[in-house]
Amino acid sequence: DFDGNRGHLGITDSGKTYMITSLDQVWEDCTPIGQPLNAYVTVA
């Protein structure tokens, strides 16, 4: 992120999005409202 923090994003087969960070090493659900189950996810 803009503050230089690092982490990981995980996408499940059921369409859920989870995030874990170096600040808090616990996976947390951050699924966007309305996220399509079959959407391809790309990160840049």
ModelCIF file with pLDDT and N, C-alpha, C, O atoms, coordinates in Angstrom:
data_MODEL
#
_entry.id   MODEL 
#
_entity.id                         1 
_entity.type                       polymer 
_entity.pdbx_number_of_molecules   1 
#
_entity_poly.entity_id                      1 
_entity_poly.type                           'polypeptide(L)' 
_entity_poly.nstd_linkage                   no 
_entity_poly.nstd_monomer                   no 
_entity_poly.pdbx_seq_one_letter_code       DFDGNRGHLGITDSGKTYMITSLDQVWEDCTPIGQPLNAYVTVA 
_entity_poly.pdbx_seq_one_letter_code_can   DFDGNRGHLGITDSGKTYMITSLDQVWEDCTPIGQPLNAYVTVA 
_entity_poly.pdbx_strand_id                 A 
#
loop_
_entity_poly_seq.entity_id 
_entity_poly_seq.num 
_entity_poly_seq.mon_id 
_entity_poly_seq.hetero 
1 1  ASP n 
1 2  PHE n 
1 3  ASP n 
1 4  GLY n 
1 5  ASN n 
1 6  ARG n 
1 7  GLY n 
1 8  HIS n 
1 9  LEU n 
1 10 GLY n 
1 11 ILE n 
1 12 THR n 
1 13 ASP n 
1 14 SER n 
1 15 GLY n 
1 16 LYS n 
1 17 THR n 
1 18 TYR n 
1 19 MET n 
1 20 ILE n 
1 21 THR n 
1 22 SER n 
1 23 LEU n 
1 24 ASP n 
1 25 GLN n 
1 26 VAL n 
1 27 TRP n 
1 28 GLU n 
1 29 ASP n 
1 30 CYS n 
1 31 THR n 
1 32 PRO n 
1 33 ILE n 
1 34 GLY n 
1 35 GLN n 
1 36 PRO n 
1 37 LEU n 
1 38 ASN n 
1 39 ALA n 
1 40 TYR n 
1 41 VAL n 
1 42 THR n 
1 43 VAL n 
1 44 ALA n 
#
_struct_asym.id          A 
_struct_asym.entity_id   1 
#
loop_
_ma_qa_metric.id 
_ma_qa_metric.mode 
_ma_qa_metric.name 
_ma_qa_metric.software_group_id 
_ma_qa_metric.type 
1 global pLDDT . pLDDT 
2 local  pLDDT . pLDDT 
#
_ma_qa_metric_global.metric_id      1 
_ma_qa_metric_global.metric_value   92.05 
_ma_qa_metric_global.model_id       1 
_ma_qa_metric_global.ordinal_id     1 
#
loop_
_ma_qa_metric_local.label_asym_id 
_ma_qa_metric_local.label_comp_id 
_ma_qa_metric_local.label_seq_id 
_ma_qa_metric_local.metric_id 
_ma_qa_metric_local.metric_value 
_ma_qa_metric_local.model_id 
_ma_qa_metric_local.ordinal_id 
A ASP 1  2 85.00 1 1  
A PHE 2  2 81.00 1 2  
A ASP 3  2 83.00 1 3  
A GLY 4  2 83.00 1 4  
A ASN 5  2 90.00 1 5  
A ARG 6  2 93.00 1 6  
A GLY 7  2 96.00 1 7  
A HIS 8  2 96.00 1 8  
A LEU 9  2 96.00 1 9  
A GLY 10 2 95.00 1 10 
A ILE 11 2 92.00 1 11 
A THR 12 2 90.00 1 12 
A ASP 13 2 85.00 1 13 
A SER 14 2 86.00 1 14 
A GLY 15 2 85.00 1 15 
A LYS 16 2 93.00 1 16 
A THR 17 2 96.00 1 17 
A TYR 18 2 97.00 1 18 
A MET 19 2 97.00 1 19 
A ILE 20 2 96.00 1 20 
A THR 21 2 95.00 1 21 
A SER 22 2 90.00 1 22 
A LEU 23 2 87.00 1 23 
A ASP 24 2 90.00 1 24 
A GLN 25 2 92.00 1 25 
A VAL 26 2 95.00 1 26 
A TRP 27 2 96.00 1 27 
A GLU 28 2 96.00 1 28 
A ASP 29 2 96.00 1 29 
A CYS 30 2 96.00 1 30 
A THR 31 2 96.00 1 31 
A PRO 32 2 95.00 1 32 
A ILE 33 2 93.00 1 33 
A GLY 34 2 92.00 1 34 
A GLN 35 2 90.00 1 35 
A PRO 36 2 90.00 1 36 
A LEU 37 2 87.00 1 37 
A ASN 38 2 89.00 1 38 
A ALA 39 2 93.00 1 39 
A TYR 40 2 94.00 1 40 
A VAL 41 2 96.00 1 41 
A THR 42 2 96.00 1 42 
A VAL 43 2 96.00 1 43 
A ALA 44 2 95.00 1 44 
#
loop_
_atom_site.group_PDB 
_atom_site.id 
_atom_site.type_symbol 
_atom_site.label_atom_id 
_atom_site.label_alt_id 
_atom_site.label_comp_id 
_atom_site.label_asym_id 
_atom_site.label_entity_id 
_atom_site.label_seq_id 
_atom_site.pdbx_PDB_ins_code 
_atom_site.Cartn_x 
_atom_site.Cartn_y 
_atom_site.Cartn_z 
_atom_site.occupancy 
_atom_site.B_iso_or_equiv 
_atom_site.pdbx_formal_charge 
_atom_site.auth_seq_id 
_atom_site.auth_comp_id 
_atom_site.auth_asym_id 
_atom_site.auth_atom_id 
_atom_site.pdbx_PDB_model_num 
ATOM 1   N N  . ASP A 1 1  ? 0.828   -1.202  0.000   1.00 85.00 ? 1  ASP A N  1 
ATOM 2   C CA . ASP A 1 1  ? 0.000   0.000   0.000   1.00 85.00 ? 1  ASP A CA 1 
ATOM 3   C C  . ASP A 1 1  ? 0.866   1.257   0.000   1.00 85.00 ? 1  ASP A C  1 
ATOM 4   O O  . ASP A 1 1  ? 2.094   1.178   0.013   1.00 85.00 ? 1  ASP A O  1 
ATOM 5   N N  . PHE A 1 2  ? 0.208   2.422   -0.015  1.00 81.00 ? 2  PHE A N  1 
ATOM 6   C CA . PHE A 1 2  ? 0.909   3.702   -0.112  1.00 81.00 ? 2  PHE A CA 1 
ATOM 7   C C  . PHE A 1 2  ? 1.870   3.925   1.054   1.00 81.00 ? 2  PHE A C  1 
ATOM 8   O O  . PHE A 1 2  ? 2.842   4.669   0.922   1.00 81.00 ? 2  PHE A O  1 
ATOM 9   N N  . ASP A 1 3  ? 1.604   3.284   2.197   1.00 83.00 ? 3  ASP A N  1 
ATOM 10  C CA . ASP A 1 3  ? 2.453   3.468   3.378   1.00 83.00 ? 3  ASP A CA 1 
ATOM 11  C C  . ASP A 1 3  ? 3.622   2.485   3.426   1.00 83.00 ? 3  ASP A C  1 
ATOM 12  O O  . ASP A 1 3  ? 4.410   2.501   4.372   1.00 83.00 ? 3  ASP A O  1 
ATOM 13  N N  . GLY A 1 4  ? 3.734   1.636   2.413   1.00 83.00 ? 4  GLY A N  1 
ATOM 14  C CA . GLY A 1 4  ? 4.833   0.686   2.367   1.00 83.00 ? 4  GLY A CA 1 
ATOM 15  C C  . GLY A 1 4  ? 4.571   -0.611  3.104   1.00 83.00 ? 4  GLY A C  1 
ATOM 16  O O  . GLY A 1 4  ? 5.465   -1.449  3.215   1.00 83.00 ? 4  GLY A O  1 
ATOM 17  N N  . ASN A 1 5  ? 3.351   -0.792  3.612   1.00 90.00 ? 5  ASN A N  1 
ATOM 18  C CA . ASN A 1 5  ? 3.001   -2.048  4.268   1.00 90.00 ? 5  ASN A CA 1 
ATOM 19  C C  . ASN A 1 5  ? 2.858   -3.155  3.220   1.00 90.00 ? 5  ASN A C  1 
ATOM 20  O O  . ASN A 1 5  ? 2.538   -2.893  2.060   1.00 90.00 ? 5  ASN A O  1 
ATOM 21  N N  . ARG A 1 6  ? 3.101   -4.386  3.649   1.00 93.00 ? 6  ARG A N  1 
ATOM 22  C CA . ARG A 1 6  ? 3.023   -5.517  2.719   1.00 93.00 ? 6  ARG A CA 1 
ATOM 23  C C  . ARG A 1 6  ? 2.063   -6.584  3.242   1.00 93.00 ? 6  ARG A C  1 
ATOM 24  O O  . ARG A 1 6  ? 1.812   -6.690  4.442   1.00 93.00 ? 6  ARG A O  1 
ATOM 25  N N  . GLY A 1 7  ? 1.541   -7.364  2.313   1.00 96.00 ? 7  GLY A N  1 
ATOM 26  C CA . GLY A 1 7  ? 0.623   -8.423  2.690   1.00 96.00 ? 7  GLY A CA 1 
ATOM 27  C C  . GLY A 1 7  ? 0.319   -9.323  1.506   1.00 96.00 ? 7  GLY A C  1 
ATOM 28  O O  . GLY A 1 7  ? 1.007   -9.292  0.486   1.00 96.00 ? 7  GLY A O  1 
ATOM 29  N N  . HIS A 1 8  ? -0.733  -10.129 1.664   1.00 96.00 ? 8  HIS A N  1 
ATOM 30  C CA . HIS A 1 8  ? -1.139  -11.051 0.606   1.00 96.00 ? 8  HIS A CA 1 
ATOM 31  C C  . HIS A 1 8  ? -2.656  -11.035 0.478   1.00 96.00 ? 8  HIS A C  1 
ATOM 32  O O  . HIS A 1 8  ? -3.380  -10.789 1.443   1.00 96.00 ? 8  HIS A O  1 
ATOM 33  N N  . LEU A 1 9  ? -3.115  -11.305 -0.736  1.00 96.00 ? 9  LEU A N  1 
ATOM 34  C CA . LEU A 1 9  ? -4.541  -11.418 -1.022  1.00 96.00 ? 9  LEU A CA 1 
ATOM 35  C C  . LEU A 1 9  ? -4.813  -12.834 -1.498  1.00 96.00 ? 9  LEU A C  1 
ATOM 36  O O  . LEU A 1 9  ? -4.097  -13.353 -2.356  1.00 96.00 ? 9  LEU A O  1 
ATOM 37  N N  . GLY A 1 10 ? -5.837  -13.458 -0.951  1.00 95.00 ? 10 GLY A N  1 
ATOM 38  C CA . GLY A 1 10 ? -6.204  -14.810 -1.349  1.00 95.00 ? 10 GLY A CA 1 
ATOM 39  C C  . GLY A 1 10 ? -7.635  -14.863 -1.829  1.00 95.00 ? 10 GLY A C  1 
ATOM 40  O O  . GLY A 1 10 ? -8.512  -14.233 -1.238  1.00 95.00 ? 10 GLY A O  1 
ATOM 41  N N  . ILE A 1 11 ? -7.884  -15.610 -2.899  1.00 92.00 ? 11 ILE A N  1 
ATOM 42  C CA . ILE A 1 11 ? -9.229  -15.764 -3.458  1.00 92.00 ? 11 ILE A CA 1 
ATOM 43  C C  . ILE A 1 11 ? -9.622  -17.230 -3.358  1.00 92.00 ? 11 ILE A C  1 
ATOM 44  O O  . ILE A 1 11 ? -8.880  -18.097 -3.818  1.00 92.00 ? 11 ILE A O  1 
ATOM 45  N N  . THR A 1 12 ? -10.769 -17.521 -2.769  1.00 90.00 ? 12 THR A N  1 
ATOM 46  C CA . THR A 1 12 ? -11.211 -18.903 -2.617  1.00 90.00 ? 12 THR A CA 1 
ATOM 47  C C  . THR A 1 12 ? -12.063 -19.338 -3.802  1.00 90.00 ? 12 THR A C  1 
ATOM 48  O O  . THR A 1 12 ? -12.525 -18.507 -4.584  1.00 90.00 ? 12 THR A O  1 
ATOM 49  N N  . ASP A 1 13 ? -12.267 -20.644 -3.929  1.00 85.00 ? 13 ASP A N  1 
ATOM 50  C CA . ASP A 1 13 ? -13.108 -21.179 -5.000  1.00 85.00 ? 13 ASP A CA 1 
ATOM 51  C C  . ASP A 1 13 ? -14.547 -20.706 -4.874  1.00 85.00 ? 13 ASP A C  1 
ATOM 52  O O  . ASP A 1 13 ? -15.278 -20.657 -5.864  1.00 85.00 ? 13 ASP A O  1 
ATOM 53  N N  . SER A 1 14 ? -14.954 -20.358 -3.665  1.00 86.00 ? 14 SER A N  1 
ATOM 54  C CA . SER A 1 14 ? -16.327 -19.898 -3.446  1.00 86.00 ? 14 SER A CA 1 
ATOM 55  C C  . SER A 1 14 ? -16.484 -18.399 -3.690  1.00 86.00 ? 14 SER A C  1 
ATOM 56  O O  . SER A 1 14 ? -17.557 -17.838 -3.468  1.00 86.00 ? 14 SER A O  1 
ATOM 57  N N  . GLY A 1 15 ? -15.392 -17.743 -4.157  1.00 85.00 ? 15 GLY A N  1 
ATOM 58  C CA . GLY A 1 15 ? -15.496 -16.331 -4.500  1.00 85.00 ? 15 GLY A CA 1 
ATOM 59  C C  . GLY A 1 15 ? -15.223 -15.371 -3.367  1.00 85.00 ? 15 GLY A C  1 
ATOM 60  O O  . GLY A 1 15 ? -15.470 -14.175 -3.519  1.00 85.00 ? 15 GLY A O  1 
ATOM 61  N N  . LYS A 1 16 ? -14.725 -15.838 -2.238  1.00 93.00 ? 16 LYS A N  1 
ATOM 62  C CA . LYS A 1 16 ? -14.391 -14.969 -1.119  1.00 93.00 ? 16 LYS A CA 1 
ATOM 63  C C  . LYS A 1 16 ? -12.977 -14.408 -1.284  1.00 93.00 ? 16 LYS A C  1 
ATOM 64  O O  . LYS A 1 16 ? -12.104 -15.064 -1.851  1.00 93.00 ? 16 LYS A O  1 
ATOM 65  N N  . THR A 1 17 ? -12.762 -13.196 -0.787  1.00 96.00 ? 17 THR A N  1 
ATOM 66  C CA . THR A 1 17 ? -11.447 -12.561 -0.811  1.00 96.00 ? 17 THR A CA 1 
ATOM 67  C C  . THR A 1 17 ? -10.963 -12.370 0.618   1.00 96.00 ? 17 THR A C  1 
ATOM 68  O O  . THR A 1 17 ? -11.691 -11.848 1.462   1.00 96.00 ? 17 THR A O  1 
ATOM 69  N N  . TYR A 1 18 ? -9.721  -12.797 0.888   1.00 97.00 ? 18 TYR A N  1 
ATOM 70  C CA . TYR A 1 18 ? -9.145  -12.664 2.228   1.00 97.00 ? 18 TYR A CA 1 
ATOM 71  C C  . TYR A 1 18 ? -7.810  -11.938 2.135   1.00 97.00 ? 18 TYR A C  1 
ATOM 72  O O  . TYR A 1 18 ? -7.107  -12.027 1.129   1.00 97.00 ? 18 TYR A O  1 
ATOM 73  N N  . MET A 1 19 ? -7.472  -11.213 3.208   1.00 97.00 ? 19 MET A N  1 
ATOM 74  C CA . MET A 1 19 ? -6.215  -10.468 3.260   1.00 97.00 ? 19 MET A CA 1 
ATOM 75  C C  . MET A 1 19 ? -5.467  -10.789 4.540   1.00 97.00 ? 19 MET A C  1 
ATOM 76  O O  . MET A 1 19 ? -6.061  -10.929 5.610   1.00 97.00 ? 19 MET A O  1 
ATOM 77  N N  . ILE A 1 20 ? -4.147  -10.901 4.410   1.00 96.00 ? 20 ILE A N  1 
ATOM 78  C CA . ILE A 1 20 ? -3.267  -11.056 5.559   1.00 96.00 ? 20 ILE A CA 1 
ATOM 79  C C  . ILE A 1 20 ? -2.121  -10.070 5.369   1.00 96.00 ? 20 ILE A C  1 
ATOM 80  O O  . ILE A 1 20 ? -1.700  -9.830  4.237   1.00 96.00 ? 20 ILE A O  1 
ATOM 81  N N  . THR A 1 21 ? -1.610  -9.496  6.453   1.00 95.00 ? 21 THR A N  1 
ATOM 82  C CA . THR A 1 21 ? -0.572  -8.487  6.330   1.00 95.00 ? 21 THR A CA 1 
ATOM 83  C C  . THR A 1 21 ? 0.569   -8.754  7.300   1.00 95.00 ? 21 THR A C  1 
ATOM 84  O O  . THR A 1 21 ? 0.446   -9.551  8.230   1.00 95.00 ? 21 THR A O  1 
ATOM 85  N N  . SER A 1 22 ? 1.682   -8.069  7.062   1.00 90.00 ? 22 SER A N  1 
ATOM 86  C CA . SER A 1 22 ? 2.820   -8.177  7.975   1.00 90.00 ? 22 SER A CA 1 
ATOM 87  C C  . SER A 1 22 ? 2.496   -7.526  9.317   1.00 90.00 ? 22 SER A C  1 
ATOM 88  O O  . SER A 1 22 ? 3.151   -7.819  10.318  1.00 90.00 ? 22 SER A O  1 
ATOM 89  N N  . LEU A 1 23 ? 1.492   -6.646  9.351   1.00 87.00 ? 23 LEU A N  1 
ATOM 90  C CA . LEU A 1 23 ? 1.098   -5.986  10.587  1.00 87.00 ? 23 LEU A CA 1 
ATOM 91  C C  . LEU A 1 23 ? 0.179   -6.860  11.429  1.00 87.00 ? 23 LEU A C  1 
ATOM 92  O O  . LEU A 1 23 ? 0.209   -6.795  12.658  1.00 87.00 ? 23 LEU A O  1 
ATOM 93  N N  . ASP A 1 24 ? -0.635  -7.676  10.770  1.00 90.00 ? 24 ASP A N  1 
ATOM 94  C CA . ASP A 1 24 ? -1.612  -8.527  11.455  1.00 90.00 ? 24 ASP A CA 1 
ATOM 95  C C  . ASP A 1 24 ? -1.710  -9.836  10.685  1.00 90.00 ? 24 ASP A C  1 
ATOM 96  O O  . ASP A 1 24 ? -2.386  -9.917  9.659   1.00 90.00 ? 24 ASP A O  1 
ATOM 97  N N  . GLN A 1 25 ? -1.023  -10.864 11.194  1.00 92.00 ? 25 GLN A N  1 
ATOM 98  C CA . GLN A 1 25 ? -0.889  -12.103 10.438  1.00 92.00 ? 25 GLN A CA 1 
ATOM 99  C C  . GLN A 1 25 ? -2.049  -13.064 10.686  1.00 92.00 ? 25 GLN A C  1 
ATOM 100 O O  . GLN A 1 25 ? -1.859  -14.219 11.065  1.00 92.00 ? 25 GLN A O  1 
ATOM 101 N N  . VAL A 1 26 ? -3.255  -12.549 10.459  1.00 95.00 ? 26 VAL A N  1 
ATOM 102 C CA . VAL A 1 26 ? -4.485  -13.334 10.528  1.00 95.00 ? 26 VAL A CA 1 
ATOM 103 C C  . VAL A 1 26 ? -5.297  -13.033 9.272   1.00 95.00 ? 26 VAL A C  1 
ATOM 104 O O  . VAL A 1 26 ? -5.526  -11.872 8.936   1.00 95.00 ? 26 VAL A O  1 
ATOM 105 N N  . TRP A 1 27 ? -5.728  -14.085 8.581   1.00 96.00 ? 27 TRP A N  1 
ATOM 106 C CA . TRP A 1 27 ? -6.541  -13.879 7.384   1.00 96.00 ? 27 TRP A CA 1 
ATOM 107 C C  . TRP A 1 27 ? -7.881  -13.260 7.762   1.00 96.00 ? 27 TRP A C  1 
ATOM 108 O O  . TRP A 1 27 ? -8.539  -13.708 8.701   1.00 96.00 ? 27 TRP A O  1 
ATOM 109 N N  . GLU A 1 28 ? -8.281  -12.219 7.019   1.00 96.00 ? 28 GLU A N  1 
ATOM 110 C CA . GLU A 1 28 ? -9.549  -11.551 7.293   1.00 96.00 ? 28 GLU A CA 1 
ATOM 111 C C  . GLU A 1 28 ? -10.332 -11.372 6.003   1.00 96.00 ? 28 GLU A C  1 
ATOM 112 O O  . GLU A 1 28 ? -9.770  -11.027 4.964   1.00 96.00 ? 28 GLU A O  1 
ATOM 113 N N  . ASP A 1 29 ? -11.636 -11.610 6.084   1.00 96.00 ? 29 ASP A N  1 
ATOM 114 C CA . ASP A 1 29 ? -12.508 -11.497 4.918   1.00 96.00 ? 29 ASP A CA 1 
ATOM 115 C C  . ASP A 1 29 ? -12.640 -10.025 4.510   1.00 96.00 ? 29 ASP A C  1 
ATOM 116 O O  . ASP A 1 29 ? -13.052 -9.186  5.310   1.00 96.00 ? 29 ASP A O  1 
ATOM 117 N N  . CYS A 1 30 ? -12.284 -9.723  3.253   1.00 96.00 ? 30 CYS A N  1 
ATOM 118 C CA . CYS A 1 30 ? -12.451 -8.358  2.736   1.00 96.00 ? 30 CYS A CA 1 
ATOM 119 C C  . CYS A 1 30 ? -13.166 -8.396  1.394   1.00 96.00 ? 30 CYS A C  1 
ATOM 120 O O  . CYS A 1 30 ? -12.916 -7.566  0.520   1.00 96.00 ? 30 CYS A O  1 
ATOM 121 N N  . THR A 1 31 ? -14.064 -9.378  1.239   1.00 96.00 ? 31 THR A N  1 
ATOM 122 C CA . THR A 1 31 ? -14.762 -9.581  -0.024  1.00 96.00 ? 31 THR A CA 1 
ATOM 123 C C  . THR A 1 31 ? -15.577 -8.350  -0.407  1.00 96.00 ? 31 THR A C  1 
ATOM 124 O O  . THR A 1 31 ? -16.412 -7.901  0.378   1.00 96.00 ? 31 THR A O  1 
ATOM 125 N N  . PRO A 1 32 ? -15.351 -7.789  -1.610  1.00 95.00 ? 32 PRO A N  1 
ATOM 126 C CA . PRO A 1 32 ? -16.170 -6.653  -2.046  1.00 95.00 ? 32 PRO A CA 1 
ATOM 127 C C  . PRO A 1 32 ? -17.630 -7.067  -2.219  1.00 95.00 ? 32 PRO A C  1 
ATOM 128 O O  . PRO A 1 32 ? -17.922 -8.167  -2.687  1.00 95.00 ? 32 PRO A O  1 
ATOM 129 N N  . ILE A 1 33 ? -18.521 -6.191  -1.846  1.00 93.00 ? 33 ILE A N  1 
ATOM 130 C CA . ILE A 1 33 ? -19.957 -6.463  -1.998  1.00 93.00 ? 33 ILE A CA 1 
ATOM 131 C C  . ILE A 1 33 ? -20.278 -6.651  -3.480  1.00 93.00 ? 33 ILE A C  1 
ATOM 132 O O  . ILE A 1 33 ? -19.961 -5.797  -4.309  1.00 93.00 ? 33 ILE A O  1 
ATOM 133 N N  . GLY A 1 34 ? -20.901 -7.763  -3.796  1.00 92.00 ? 34 GLY A N  1 
ATOM 134 C CA . GLY A 1 34 ? -21.286 -8.034  -5.178  1.00 92.00 ? 34 GLY A CA 1 
ATOM 135 C C  . GLY A 1 34 ? -20.213 -8.691  -6.012  1.00 92.00 ? 34 GLY A C  1 
ATOM 136 O O  . GLY A 1 34 ? -20.382 -8.844  -7.221  1.00 92.00 ? 34 GLY A O  1 
ATOM 137 N N  . GLN A 1 35 ? -19.093 -9.090  -5.388  1.00 90.00 ? 35 GLN A N  1 
ATOM 138 C CA . GLN A 1 35 ? -17.995 -9.710  -6.140  1.00 90.00 ? 35 GLN A CA 1 
ATOM 139 C C  . GLN A 1 35 ? -18.494 -10.953 -6.879  1.00 90.00 ? 35 GLN A C  1 
ATOM 140 O O  . GLN A 1 35 ? -19.010 -11.871 -6.242  1.00 90.00 ? 35 GLN A O  1 
ATOM 141 N N  . PRO A 1 36 ? -18.354 -11.005 -8.207  1.00 90.00 ? 36 PRO A N  1 
ATOM 142 C CA . PRO A 1 36 ? -18.792 -12.187 -8.955  1.00 90.00 ? 36 PRO A CA 1 
ATOM 143 C C  . PRO A 1 36 ? -17.939 -13.403 -8.604  1.00 90.00 ? 36 PRO A C  1 
ATOM 144 O O  . PRO A 1 36 ? -16.725 -13.288 -8.434  1.00 90.00 ? 36 PRO A O  1 
ATOM 145 N N  . LEU A 1 37 ? -18.573 -14.557 -8.498  1.00 87.00 ? 37 LEU A N  1 
ATOM 146 C CA . LEU A 1 37 ? -17.847 -15.769 -8.148  1.00 87.00 ? 37 LEU A CA 1 
ATOM 147 C C  . LEU A 1 37 ? -16.849 -16.166 -9.219  1.00 87.00 ? 37 LEU A C  1 
ATOM 148 O O  . LEU A 1 37 ? -15.802 -16.740 -8.918  1.00 87.00 ? 37 LEU A O  1 
ATOM 149 N N  . ASN A 1 38 ? -17.176 -15.858 -10.489 1.00 89.00 ? 38 ASN A N  1 
ATOM 150 C CA . ASN A 1 38 ? -16.333 -16.314 -11.601 1.00 89.00 ? 38 ASN A CA 1 
ATOM 151 C C  . ASN A 1 38 ? -15.406 -15.224 -12.125 1.00 89.00 ? 38 ASN A C  1 
ATOM 152 O O  . ASN A 1 38 ? -14.834 -15.382 -13.204 1.00 89.00 ? 38 ASN A O  1 
ATOM 153 N N  . ALA A 1 39 ? -15.244 -14.132 -11.400 1.00 93.00 ? 39 ALA A N  1 
ATOM 154 C CA . ALA A 1 39 ? -14.388 -13.039 -11.879 1.00 93.00 ? 39 ALA A CA 1 
ATOM 155 C C  . ALA A 1 39 ? -12.926 -13.435 -11.800 1.00 93.00 ? 39 ALA A C  1 
ATOM 156 O O  . ALA A 1 39 ? -12.472 -13.972 -10.790 1.00 93.00 ? 39 ALA A O  1 
ATOM 157 N N  . TYR A 1 40 ? -12.189 -13.168 -12.873 1.00 94.00 ? 40 TYR A N  1 
ATOM 158 C CA . TYR A 1 40 ? -10.738 -13.312 -12.823 1.00 94.00 ? 40 TYR A CA 1 
ATOM 159 C C  . TYR A 1 40 ? -10.170 -12.147 -12.028 1.00 94.00 ? 40 TYR A C  1 
ATOM 160 O O  . TYR A 1 40 ? -10.620 -11.010 -12.173 1.00 94.00 ? 40 TYR A O  1 
ATOM 161 N N  . VAL A 1 41 ? -9.180  -12.432 -11.188 1.00 96.00 ? 41 VAL A N  1 
ATOM 162 C CA . VAL A 1 41 ? -8.558  -11.393 -10.375 1.00 96.00 ? 41 VAL A CA 1 
ATOM 163 C C  . VAL A 1 41 ? -7.121  -11.193 -10.854 1.00 96.00 ? 41 VAL A C  1 
ATOM 164 O O  . VAL A 1 41 ? -6.356  -12.151 -10.966 1.00 96.00 ? 41 VAL A O  1 
ATOM 165 N N  . THR A 1 42 ? -6.766  -9.943  -11.133 1.00 96.00 ? 42 THR A N  1 
ATOM 166 C CA . THR A 1 42 ? -5.391  -9.601  -11.482 1.00 96.00 ? 42 THR A CA 1 
ATOM 167 C C  . THR A 1 42 ? -4.934  -8.463  -10.580 1.00 96.00 ? 42 THR A C  1 
ATOM 168 O O  . THR A 1 42 ? -5.720  -7.588  -10.216 1.00 96.00 ? 42 THR A O  1 
ATOM 169 N N  . VAL A 1 43 ? -3.659  -8.486  -10.228 1.00 96.00 ? 43 VAL A N  1 
ATOM 170 C CA . VAL A 1 43 ? -3.092  -7.496  -9.311  1.00 96.00 ? 43 VAL A CA 1 
ATOM 171 C C  . VAL A 1 43 ? -1.867  -6.864  -9.962  1.00 96.00 ? 43 VAL A C  1 
ATOM 172 O O  . VAL A 1 43 ? -1.054  -7.561  -10.570 1.00 96.00 ? 43 VAL A O  1 
ATOM 173 N N  . ALA A 1 44 ? -1.735  -5.556  -9.837  1.00 95.00 ? 44 ALA A N  1 
ATOM 174 C CA . ALA A 1 44 ? -0.582  -4.852  -10.398 1.00 95.00 ? 44 ALA A CA 1 
ATOM 175 C C  . ALA A 1 44 ? -0.109  -3.794  -9.412  1.00 95.00 ? 44 ALA A C  1 
ATOM 176 O O  . ALA A 1 44 ? 0.856   -3.081  -9.687  1.00 95.00 ? 44 ALA A O  1 
#
